mmCIF file of all heavy atoms, coordinates in Angstrom:
data_MODEL
# 
_entry.id   MODEL 
# 
loop_
_atom_site.group_PDB 
_atom_site.id 
_atom_site.type_symbol 
_atom_site.label_atom_id 
_atom_site.label_alt_id 
_atom_site.label_comp_id 
_atom_site.label_asym_id 
_atom_site.label_entity_id 
_atom_site.label_seq_id 
_atom_site.pdbx_PDB_ins_code 
_atom_site.Cartn_x 
_atom_site.Cartn_y 
_atom_site.Cartn_z 
_atom_site.occupancy 
_atom_site.B_iso_or_equiv 
_atom_site.pdbx_formal_charge 
_atom_site.auth_seq_id 
_atom_site.auth_comp_id 
_atom_site.auth_asym_id 
_atom_site.auth_atom_id 
_atom_site.pdbx_PDB_model_num 
ATOM 1   N N   . ILE A 1 1  ? 74.756 180.132 147.688 1.00 0.00 ? 1  ILE A N   1 
ATOM 2   C CA  . ILE A 1 1  ? 75.817 179.249 147.285 1.00 0.00 ? 1  ILE A CA  1 
ATOM 3   C C   . ILE A 1 1  ? 77.158 179.826 147.797 1.00 0.00 ? 1  ILE A C   1 
ATOM 4   O O   . ILE A 1 1  ? 77.329 180.986 147.736 1.00 0.00 ? 1  ILE A O   1 
ATOM 5   C CB  . ILE A 1 1  ? 75.806 179.014 145.691 1.00 0.00 ? 1  ILE A CB  1 
ATOM 6   C CG1 . ILE A 1 1  ? 76.943 178.092 145.419 1.00 0.00 ? 1  ILE A CG1 1 
ATOM 7   C CG2 . ILE A 1 1  ? 75.781 180.326 145.038 1.00 0.00 ? 1  ILE A CG2 1 
ATOM 8   C CD1 . ILE A 1 1  ? 77.018 177.671 143.989 1.00 0.00 ? 1  ILE A CD1 1 
ATOM 9   N N   . ASN A 1 2  ? 77.846 178.973 148.577 1.00 0.00 ? 2  ASN A N   1 
ATOM 10  C CA  . ASN A 1 2  ? 79.171 179.376 149.237 1.00 0.00 ? 2  ASN A CA  1 
ATOM 11  C C   . ASN A 1 2  ? 80.265 179.098 148.043 1.00 0.00 ? 2  ASN A C   1 
ATOM 12  O O   . ASN A 1 2  ? 80.817 177.976 148.087 1.00 0.00 ? 2  ASN A O   1 
ATOM 13  C CB  . ASN A 1 2  ? 79.293 178.665 150.475 1.00 0.00 ? 2  ASN A CB  1 
ATOM 14  C CG  . ASN A 1 2  ? 80.482 179.232 151.280 1.00 0.00 ? 2  ASN A CG  1 
ATOM 15  O OD1 . ASN A 1 2  ? 81.488 179.768 150.559 1.00 0.00 ? 2  ASN A OD1 1 
ATOM 16  N ND2 . ASN A 1 2  ? 80.636 179.020 152.484 1.00 0.00 ? 2  ASN A ND2 1 
ATOM 17  N N   . LEU A 1 3  ? 80.480 180.030 147.264 1.00 0.00 ? 3  LEU A N   1 
ATOM 18  C CA  . LEU A 1 3  ? 81.575 179.950 146.288 1.00 0.00 ? 3  LEU A CA  1 
ATOM 19  C C   . LEU A 1 3  ? 83.048 179.954 146.797 1.00 0.00 ? 3  LEU A C   1 
ATOM 20  O O   . LEU A 1 3  ? 83.824 179.167 146.222 1.00 0.00 ? 3  LEU A O   1 
ATOM 21  C CB  . LEU A 1 3  ? 81.417 180.969 145.248 1.00 0.00 ? 3  LEU A CB  1 
ATOM 22  C CG  . LEU A 1 3  ? 80.220 181.117 144.294 1.00 0.00 ? 3  LEU A CG  1 
ATOM 23  C CD1 . LEU A 1 3  ? 80.194 182.363 143.463 1.00 0.00 ? 3  LEU A CD1 1 
ATOM 24  C CD2 . LEU A 1 3  ? 80.225 179.735 143.376 1.00 0.00 ? 3  LEU A CD2 1 
ATOM 25  N N   . LYS A 1 4  ? 82.996 180.408 148.070 1.00 0.00 ? 4  LYS A N   1 
ATOM 26  C CA  . LYS A 1 4  ? 84.400 180.545 148.675 1.00 0.00 ? 4  LYS A CA  1 
ATOM 27  C C   . LYS A 1 4  ? 84.754 178.940 149.048 1.00 0.00 ? 4  LYS A C   1 
ATOM 28  O O   . LYS A 1 4  ? 85.877 178.568 148.800 1.00 0.00 ? 4  LYS A O   1 
ATOM 29  C CB  . LYS A 1 4  ? 84.291 181.298 149.976 1.00 0.00 ? 4  LYS A CB  1 
ATOM 30  C CG  . LYS A 1 4  ? 85.629 181.385 150.764 1.00 0.00 ? 4  LYS A CG  1 
ATOM 31  C CD  . LYS A 1 4  ? 85.507 182.234 151.995 1.00 0.00 ? 4  LYS A CD  1 
ATOM 32  C CE  . LYS A 1 4  ? 86.832 182.501 152.666 1.00 0.00 ? 4  LYS A CE  1 
ATOM 33  N NZ  . LYS A 1 4  ? 86.568 183.261 153.888 1.00 0.00 ? 4  LYS A NZ  1 
ATOM 34  N N   . THR A 1 5  ? 83.797 178.296 149.557 1.00 0.00 ? 5  THR A N   1 
ATOM 35  C CA  . THR A 1 5  ? 83.998 176.834 150.039 1.00 0.00 ? 5  THR A CA  1 
ATOM 36  C C   . THR A 1 5  ? 84.254 175.956 148.711 1.00 0.00 ? 5  THR A C   1 
ATOM 37  O O   . THR A 1 5  ? 85.281 175.091 148.625 1.00 0.00 ? 5  THR A O   1 
ATOM 38  C CB  . THR A 1 5  ? 82.905 176.292 150.727 1.00 0.00 ? 5  THR A CB  1 
ATOM 39  O OG1 . THR A 1 5  ? 82.654 176.982 151.942 1.00 0.00 ? 5  THR A OG1 1 
ATOM 40  C CG2 . THR A 1 5  ? 83.073 174.677 151.060 1.00 0.00 ? 5  THR A CG2 1 
ATOM 41  N N   . LEU A 1 6  ? 83.465 176.285 147.650 1.00 0.00 ? 6  LEU A N   1 
ATOM 42  C CA  . LEU A 1 6  ? 83.743 175.441 146.400 1.00 0.00 ? 6  LEU A CA  1 
ATOM 43  C C   . LEU A 1 6  ? 85.128 175.605 145.848 1.00 0.00 ? 6  LEU A C   1 
ATOM 44  O O   . LEU A 1 6  ? 85.804 174.629 145.369 1.00 0.00 ? 6  LEU A O   1 
ATOM 45  C CB  . LEU A 1 6  ? 82.691 175.882 145.242 1.00 0.00 ? 6  LEU A CB  1 
ATOM 46  C CG  . LEU A 1 6  ? 81.210 175.438 145.734 1.00 0.00 ? 6  LEU A CG  1 
ATOM 47  C CD1 . LEU A 1 6  ? 80.308 175.945 144.638 1.00 0.00 ? 6  LEU A CD1 1 
ATOM 48  C CD2 . LEU A 1 6  ? 81.042 173.913 145.958 1.00 0.00 ? 6  LEU A CD2 1 
ATOM 49  N N   . VAL A 1 7  ? 85.465 176.908 145.864 1.00 0.00 ? 7  VAL A N   1 
ATOM 50  C CA  . VAL A 1 7  ? 86.888 177.255 145.196 1.00 0.00 ? 7  VAL A CA  1 
ATOM 51  C C   . VAL A 1 7  ? 88.002 176.866 145.982 1.00 0.00 ? 7  VAL A C   1 
ATOM 52  O O   . VAL A 1 7  ? 88.838 176.293 145.635 1.00 0.00 ? 7  VAL A O   1 
ATOM 53  C CB  . VAL A 1 7  ? 86.818 178.657 144.740 1.00 0.00 ? 7  VAL A CB  1 
ATOM 54  C CG1 . VAL A 1 7  ? 88.174 179.168 144.175 1.00 0.00 ? 7  VAL A CG1 1 
ATOM 55  C CG2 . VAL A 1 7  ? 85.745 179.000 143.731 1.00 0.00 ? 7  VAL A CG2 1 
ATOM 56  N N   . LYS A 1 8  ? 88.027 177.364 147.250 1.00 0.00 ? 8  LYS A N   1 
ATOM 57  C CA  . LYS A 1 8  ? 89.150 177.163 148.143 1.00 0.00 ? 8  LYS A CA  1 
ATOM 58  C C   . LYS A 1 8  ? 89.434 175.865 148.606 1.00 0.00 ? 8  LYS A C   1 
ATOM 59  O O   . LYS A 1 8  ? 90.532 175.280 148.713 1.00 0.00 ? 8  LYS A O   1 
ATOM 60  C CB  . LYS A 1 8  ? 89.068 178.141 149.433 1.00 0.00 ? 8  LYS A CB  1 
ATOM 61  C CG  . LYS A 1 8  ? 89.283 179.512 149.022 1.00 0.00 ? 8  LYS A CG  1 
ATOM 62  C CD  . LYS A 1 8  ? 89.517 180.488 150.217 1.00 0.00 ? 8  LYS A CD  1 
ATOM 63  C CE  . LYS A 1 8  ? 90.076 181.874 149.885 1.00 0.00 ? 8  LYS A CE  1 
ATOM 64  N NZ  . LYS A 1 8  ? 90.279 182.699 151.085 1.00 0.00 ? 8  LYS A NZ  1 
ATOM 65  N N   . GLU A 1 9  ? 88.315 175.060 148.809 1.00 0.00 ? 9  GLU A N   1 
ATOM 66  C CA  . GLU A 1 9  ? 88.500 173.702 149.344 1.00 0.00 ? 9  GLU A CA  1 
ATOM 67  C C   . GLU A 1 9  ? 88.262 172.628 148.115 1.00 0.00 ? 9  GLU A C   1 
ATOM 68  O O   . GLU A 1 9  ? 88.435 171.445 148.466 1.00 0.00 ? 9  GLU A O   1 
ATOM 69  C CB  . GLU A 1 9  ? 87.355 173.391 150.392 1.00 0.00 ? 9  GLU A CB  1 
ATOM 70  C CG  . GLU A 1 9  ? 87.534 174.333 151.641 1.00 0.00 ? 9  GLU A CG  1 
ATOM 71  C CD  . GLU A 1 9  ? 86.383 174.037 152.659 1.00 0.00 ? 9  GLU A CD  1 
ATOM 72  O OE1 . GLU A 1 9  ? 85.705 172.969 152.554 1.00 0.00 ? 9  GLU A OE1 1 
ATOM 73  O OE2 . GLU A 1 9  ? 86.410 174.814 153.646 1.00 0.00 ? 9  GLU A OE2 1 
ATOM 74  N N   . GLY A 1 10 ? 88.071 173.150 147.110 1.00 0.00 ? 10 GLY A N   1 
ATOM 75  C CA  . GLY A 1 10 ? 87.992 172.231 145.965 1.00 0.00 ? 10 GLY A CA  1 
ATOM 76  C C   . GLY A 1 10 ? 86.824 171.313 145.815 1.00 0.00 ? 10 GLY A C   1 
ATOM 77  O O   . GLY A 1 10 ? 86.878 170.217 145.304 1.00 0.00 ? 10 GLY A O   1 
ATOM 78  N N   . ARG A 1 11 ? 85.729 171.716 146.469 1.00 0.00 ? 11 ARG A N   1 
ATOM 79  C CA  . ARG A 1 11 ? 84.477 170.902 146.668 1.00 0.00 ? 11 ARG A CA  1 
ATOM 80  C C   . ARG A 1 11 ? 83.733 171.059 145.316 1.00 0.00 ? 11 ARG A C   1 
ATOM 81  O O   . ARG A 1 11 ? 82.540 171.535 145.421 1.00 0.00 ? 11 ARG A O   1 
ATOM 82  C CB  . ARG A 1 11 ? 83.732 171.204 147.816 1.00 0.00 ? 11 ARG A CB  1 
ATOM 83  C CG  . ARG A 1 11 ? 84.573 170.763 149.046 1.00 0.00 ? 11 ARG A CG  1 
ATOM 84  C CD  . ARG A 1 11 ? 83.644 171.325 150.281 1.00 0.00 ? 11 ARG A CD  1 
ATOM 85  N NE  . ARG A 1 11 ? 82.262 170.757 150.335 1.00 0.00 ? 11 ARG A NE  1 
ATOM 86  C CZ  . ARG A 1 11 ? 81.442 171.024 151.157 1.00 0.00 ? 11 ARG A CZ  1 
ATOM 87  N NH1 . ARG A 1 11 ? 81.555 171.933 152.104 1.00 0.00 ? 11 ARG A NH1 1 
ATOM 88  N NH2 . ARG A 1 11 ? 80.190 170.360 151.189 1.00 0.00 ? 11 ARG A NH2 1 
ATOM 89  N N   . LEU A 1 12 ? 84.194 170.844 144.206 1.00 0.00 ? 12 LEU A N   1 
ATOM 90  C CA  . LEU A 1 12 ? 83.550 171.026 142.859 1.00 0.00 ? 12 LEU A CA  1 
ATOM 91  C C   . LEU A 1 12 ? 82.324 170.117 142.609 1.00 0.00 ? 12 LEU A C   1 
ATOM 92  O O   . LEU A 1 12 ? 81.552 170.278 141.778 1.00 0.00 ? 12 LEU A O   1 
ATOM 93  C CB  . LEU A 1 12 ? 84.561 171.081 141.785 1.00 0.00 ? 12 LEU A CB  1 
ATOM 94  C CG  . LEU A 1 12 ? 85.609 172.030 141.829 1.00 0.00 ? 12 LEU A CG  1 
ATOM 95  C CD1 . LEU A 1 12 ? 86.465 172.070 140.490 1.00 0.00 ? 12 LEU A CD1 1 
ATOM 96  C CD2 . LEU A 1 12 ? 85.172 173.441 142.097 1.00 0.00 ? 12 LEU A CD2 1 
ATOM 97  N N   . SER A 1 13 ? 82.346 169.005 143.328 1.00 0.00 ? 13 SER A N   1 
ATOM 98  C CA  . SER A 1 13 ? 81.315 168.093 143.223 1.00 0.00 ? 13 SER A CA  1 
ATOM 99  C C   . SER A 1 13 ? 79.976 168.696 143.772 1.00 0.00 ? 13 SER A C   1 
ATOM 100 O O   . SER A 1 13 ? 78.878 168.147 143.215 1.00 0.00 ? 13 SER A O   1 
ATOM 101 C CB  . SER A 1 13 ? 81.503 166.738 144.010 1.00 0.00 ? 13 SER A CB  1 
ATOM 102 O OG  . SER A 1 13 ? 81.656 167.059 145.446 1.00 0.00 ? 13 SER A OG  1 
ATOM 103 N N   . ALA A 1 14 ? 80.051 169.695 144.505 1.00 0.00 ? 14 ALA A N   1 
ATOM 104 C CA  . ALA A 1 14 ? 78.939 170.375 145.056 1.00 0.00 ? 14 ALA A CA  1 
ATOM 105 C C   . ALA A 1 14 ? 78.495 171.530 144.238 1.00 0.00 ? 14 ALA A C   1 
ATOM 106 O O   . ALA A 1 14 ? 77.588 172.348 144.592 1.00 0.00 ? 14 ALA A O   1 
ATOM 107 C CB  . ALA A 1 14 ? 79.002 170.731 146.599 1.00 0.00 ? 14 ALA A CB  1 
ATOM 108 N N   . ASP A 1 15 ? 79.254 171.731 143.139 1.00 0.00 ? 15 ASP A N   1 
ATOM 109 C CA  . ASP A 1 15 ? 78.975 172.988 142.322 1.00 0.00 ? 15 ASP A CA  1 
ATOM 110 C C   . ASP A 1 15 ? 77.600 172.802 141.620 1.00 0.00 ? 15 ASP A C   1 
ATOM 111 O O   . ASP A 1 15 ? 77.114 171.800 141.423 1.00 0.00 ? 15 ASP A O   1 
ATOM 112 C CB  . ASP A 1 15 ? 80.018 173.079 141.177 1.00 0.00 ? 15 ASP A CB  1 
ATOM 113 C CG  . ASP A 1 15 ? 80.235 174.385 140.676 1.00 0.00 ? 15 ASP A CG  1 
ATOM 114 O OD1 . ASP A 1 15 ? 79.521 175.246 141.131 1.00 0.00 ? 15 ASP A OD1 1 
ATOM 115 O OD2 . ASP A 1 15 ? 81.119 174.568 139.869 1.00 0.00 ? 15 ASP A OD2 1 
ATOM 116 N N   . VAL A 1 16 ? 76.953 173.919 141.521 1.00 0.00 ? 16 VAL A N   1 
ATOM 117 C CA  . VAL A 1 16 ? 75.519 173.987 140.977 1.00 0.00 ? 16 VAL A CA  1 
ATOM 118 C C   . VAL A 1 16 ? 75.408 174.245 139.544 1.00 0.00 ? 16 VAL A C   1 
ATOM 119 O O   . VAL A 1 16 ? 75.926 175.299 139.231 1.00 0.00 ? 16 VAL A O   1 
ATOM 120 C CB  . VAL A 1 16 ? 74.704 174.999 141.781 1.00 0.00 ? 16 VAL A CB  1 
ATOM 121 C CG1 . VAL A 1 16 ? 73.222 175.077 141.341 1.00 0.00 ? 16 VAL A CG1 1 
ATOM 122 C CG2 . VAL A 1 16 ? 74.784 174.820 143.433 1.00 0.00 ? 16 VAL A CG2 1 
ATOM 123 N N   . PRO A 1 17 ? 74.919 173.373 138.752 1.00 0.00 ? 17 PRO A N   1 
ATOM 124 C CA  . PRO A 1 17 ? 74.678 173.659 137.371 1.00 0.00 ? 17 PRO A CA  1 
ATOM 125 C C   . PRO A 1 17 ? 73.553 174.765 137.209 1.00 0.00 ? 17 PRO A C   1 
ATOM 126 O O   . PRO A 1 17 ? 72.574 174.749 137.860 1.00 0.00 ? 17 PRO A O   1 
ATOM 127 C CB  . PRO A 1 17 ? 74.108 172.350 136.674 1.00 0.00 ? 17 PRO A CB  1 
ATOM 128 C CG  . PRO A 1 17 ? 74.506 171.272 137.722 1.00 0.00 ? 17 PRO A CG  1 
ATOM 129 C CD  . PRO A 1 17 ? 74.384 171.971 139.151 1.00 0.00 ? 17 PRO A CD  1 
ATOM 130 N N   . LEU A 1 18 ? 73.762 175.556 136.186 1.00 0.00 ? 18 LEU A N   1 
ATOM 131 C CA  . LEU A 1 18 ? 72.925 176.707 135.916 1.00 0.00 ? 18 LEU A CA  1 
ATOM 132 C C   . LEU A 1 18 ? 71.885 176.234 134.952 1.00 0.00 ? 18 LEU A C   1 
ATOM 133 O O   . LEU A 1 18 ? 72.133 175.374 134.112 1.00 0.00 ? 18 LEU A O   1 
ATOM 134 C CB  . LEU A 1 18 ? 73.667 177.999 135.422 1.00 0.00 ? 18 LEU A CB  1 
ATOM 135 C CG  . LEU A 1 18 ? 74.660 178.647 136.413 1.00 0.00 ? 18 LEU A CG  1 
ATOM 136 C CD1 . LEU A 1 18 ? 75.203 179.902 135.788 1.00 0.00 ? 18 LEU A CD1 1 
ATOM 137 C CD2 . LEU A 1 18 ? 73.959 178.956 137.777 1.00 0.00 ? 18 LEU A CD2 1 
ATOM 138 N N   . GLN A 1 19 ? 70.700 176.874 135.136 1.00 0.00 ? 19 GLN A N   1 
ATOM 139 C CA  . GLN A 1 19 ? 69.664 176.570 134.112 1.00 0.00 ? 19 GLN A CA  1 
ATOM 140 C C   . GLN A 1 19 ? 69.461 177.914 133.281 1.00 0.00 ? 19 GLN A C   1 
ATOM 141 O O   . GLN A 1 19 ? 69.863 178.952 133.651 1.00 0.00 ? 19 GLN A O   1 
ATOM 142 C CB  . GLN A 1 19 ? 68.471 176.189 134.772 1.00 0.00 ? 19 GLN A CB  1 
ATOM 143 C CG  . GLN A 1 19 ? 68.479 174.871 135.483 1.00 0.00 ? 19 GLN A CG  1 
ATOM 144 C CD  . GLN A 1 19 ? 67.146 174.505 136.159 1.00 0.00 ? 19 GLN A CD  1 
ATOM 145 O OE1 . GLN A 1 19 ? 66.072 175.041 135.928 1.00 0.00 ? 19 GLN A OE1 1 
ATOM 146 N NE2 . GLN A 1 19 ? 67.258 173.366 137.047 1.00 0.00 ? 19 GLN A NE2 1 
ATOM 147 N N   . PRO A 1 20 ? 68.827 177.704 132.033 1.00 0.00 ? 20 PRO A N   1 
ATOM 148 C CA  . PRO A 1 20 ? 68.485 178.998 131.250 1.00 0.00 ? 20 PRO A CA  1 
ATOM 149 C C   . PRO A 1 20 ? 67.872 180.010 132.101 1.00 0.00 ? 20 PRO A C   1 
ATOM 150 O O   . PRO A 1 20 ? 66.783 179.648 132.775 1.00 0.00 ? 20 PRO A O   1 
ATOM 151 C CB  . PRO A 1 20 ? 67.751 178.409 130.073 1.00 0.00 ? 20 PRO A CB  1 
ATOM 152 C CG  . PRO A 1 20 ? 68.191 177.023 129.921 1.00 0.00 ? 20 PRO A CG  1 
ATOM 153 C CD  . PRO A 1 20 ? 68.481 176.463 131.395 1.00 0.00 ? 20 PRO A CD  1 
ATOM 154 N N   . GLY A 1 21 ? 68.204 181.214 132.025 1.00 0.00 ? 21 GLY A N   1 
ATOM 155 C CA  . GLY A 1 21 ? 67.569 182.308 132.616 1.00 0.00 ? 21 GLY A CA  1 
ATOM 156 C C   . GLY A 1 21 ? 68.176 182.671 134.058 1.00 0.00 ? 21 GLY A C   1 
ATOM 157 O O   . GLY A 1 21 ? 67.706 183.535 134.772 1.00 0.00 ? 21 GLY A O   1 
ATOM 158 N N   . ASP A 1 22 ? 69.005 181.770 134.555 1.00 0.00 ? 22 ASP A N   1 
ATOM 159 C CA  . ASP A 1 22 ? 69.471 181.931 136.041 1.00 0.00 ? 22 ASP A CA  1 
ATOM 160 C C   . ASP A 1 22 ? 70.409 183.068 135.997 1.00 0.00 ? 22 ASP A C   1 
ATOM 161 O O   . ASP A 1 22 ? 70.982 183.610 135.175 1.00 0.00 ? 22 ASP A O   1 
ATOM 162 C CB  . ASP A 1 22 ? 70.305 180.726 136.482 1.00 0.00 ? 22 ASP A CB  1 
ATOM 163 C CG  . ASP A 1 22 ? 69.602 179.500 136.888 1.00 0.00 ? 22 ASP A CG  1 
ATOM 164 O OD1 . ASP A 1 22 ? 68.293 179.675 136.918 1.00 0.00 ? 22 ASP A OD1 1 
ATOM 165 O OD2 . ASP A 1 22 ? 70.140 178.472 137.218 1.00 0.00 ? 22 ASP A OD2 1 
ATOM 166 N N   . MET A 1 23 ? 70.419 183.739 137.168 1.00 0.00 ? 23 MET A N   1 
ATOM 167 C CA  . MET A 1 23 ? 71.226 184.881 137.555 1.00 0.00 ? 23 MET A CA  1 
ATOM 168 C C   . MET A 1 23 ? 72.146 184.610 138.690 1.00 0.00 ? 23 MET A C   1 
ATOM 169 O O   . MET A 1 23 ? 71.553 184.234 139.821 1.00 0.00 ? 23 MET A O   1 
ATOM 170 C CB  . MET A 1 23 ? 70.439 186.235 137.721 1.00 0.00 ? 23 MET A CB  1 
ATOM 171 C CG  . MET A 1 23 ? 71.479 187.357 138.055 1.00 0.00 ? 23 MET A CG  1 
ATOM 172 S SD  . MET A 1 23 ? 70.621 189.003 138.120 1.00 0.00 ? 23 MET A SD  1 
ATOM 173 C CE  . MET A 1 23 ? 69.724 188.724 139.704 1.00 0.00 ? 23 MET A CE  1 
ATOM 174 N N   . LEU A 1 24 ? 73.484 184.650 138.612 1.00 0.00 ? 24 LEU A N   1 
ATOM 175 C CA  . LEU A 1 24 ? 74.334 184.449 139.756 1.00 0.00 ? 24 LEU A CA  1 
ATOM 176 C C   . LEU A 1 24 ? 74.723 185.919 140.311 1.00 0.00 ? 24 LEU A C   1 
ATOM 177 O O   . LEU A 1 24 ? 75.307 186.630 139.551 1.00 0.00 ? 24 LEU A O   1 
ATOM 178 C CB  . LEU A 1 24 ? 75.619 183.814 139.340 1.00 0.00 ? 24 LEU A CB  1 
ATOM 179 C CG  . LEU A 1 24 ? 76.720 183.502 140.275 1.00 0.00 ? 24 LEU A CG  1 
ATOM 180 C CD1 . LEU A 1 24 ? 76.311 182.648 141.463 1.00 0.00 ? 24 LEU A CD1 1 
ATOM 181 C CD2 . LEU A 1 24 ? 78.053 182.854 139.624 1.00 0.00 ? 24 LEU A CD2 1 
ATOM 182 N N   . PHE A 1 25 ? 74.380 186.116 141.539 1.00 0.00 ? 25 PHE A N   1 
ATOM 183 C CA  . PHE A 1 25 ? 74.652 187.514 142.117 1.00 0.00 ? 25 PHE A CA  1 
ATOM 184 C C   . PHE A 1 25 ? 75.792 187.248 143.257 1.00 0.00 ? 25 PHE A C   1 
ATOM 185 O O   . PHE A 1 25 ? 75.663 186.284 144.118 1.00 0.00 ? 25 PHE A O   1 
ATOM 186 C CB  . PHE A 1 25 ? 73.385 187.899 142.692 1.00 0.00 ? 25 PHE A CB  1 
ATOM 187 C CG  . PHE A 1 25 ? 73.583 189.216 143.587 1.00 0.00 ? 25 PHE A CG  1 
ATOM 188 C CD1 . PHE A 1 25 ? 73.871 190.399 143.077 1.00 0.00 ? 25 PHE A CD1 1 
ATOM 189 C CD2 . PHE A 1 25 ? 73.413 189.005 145.036 1.00 0.00 ? 25 PHE A CD2 1 
ATOM 190 C CE1 . PHE A 1 25 ? 74.054 191.520 143.790 1.00 0.00 ? 25 PHE A CE1 1 
ATOM 191 C CE2 . PHE A 1 25 ? 73.629 190.301 145.834 1.00 0.00 ? 25 PHE A CE2 1 
ATOM 192 C CZ  . PHE A 1 25 ? 73.878 191.445 145.247 1.00 0.00 ? 25 PHE A CZ  1 
ATOM 193 N N   . VAL A 1 26 ? 76.915 188.093 143.108 1.00 0.00 ? 26 VAL A N   1 
ATOM 194 C CA  . VAL A 1 26 ? 77.944 188.063 144.163 1.00 0.00 ? 26 VAL A CA  1 
ATOM 195 C C   . VAL A 1 26 ? 77.802 189.423 144.896 1.00 0.00 ? 26 VAL A C   1 
ATOM 196 O O   . VAL A 1 26 ? 78.141 190.408 144.266 1.00 0.00 ? 26 VAL A O   1 
ATOM 197 C CB  . VAL A 1 26 ? 79.305 187.804 143.490 1.00 0.00 ? 26 VAL A CB  1 
ATOM 198 C CG1 . VAL A 1 26 ? 80.463 187.816 144.604 1.00 0.00 ? 26 VAL A CG1 1 
ATOM 199 C CG2 . VAL A 1 26 ? 79.331 186.496 142.669 1.00 0.00 ? 26 VAL A CG2 1 
# 
């Protein structure tokens, strides 16, 4: 997941909902 694009370009419609147990790694 390209968080840079989501945040800087404001493409929040493409943001990914998390499910229980998910881990976000940066």
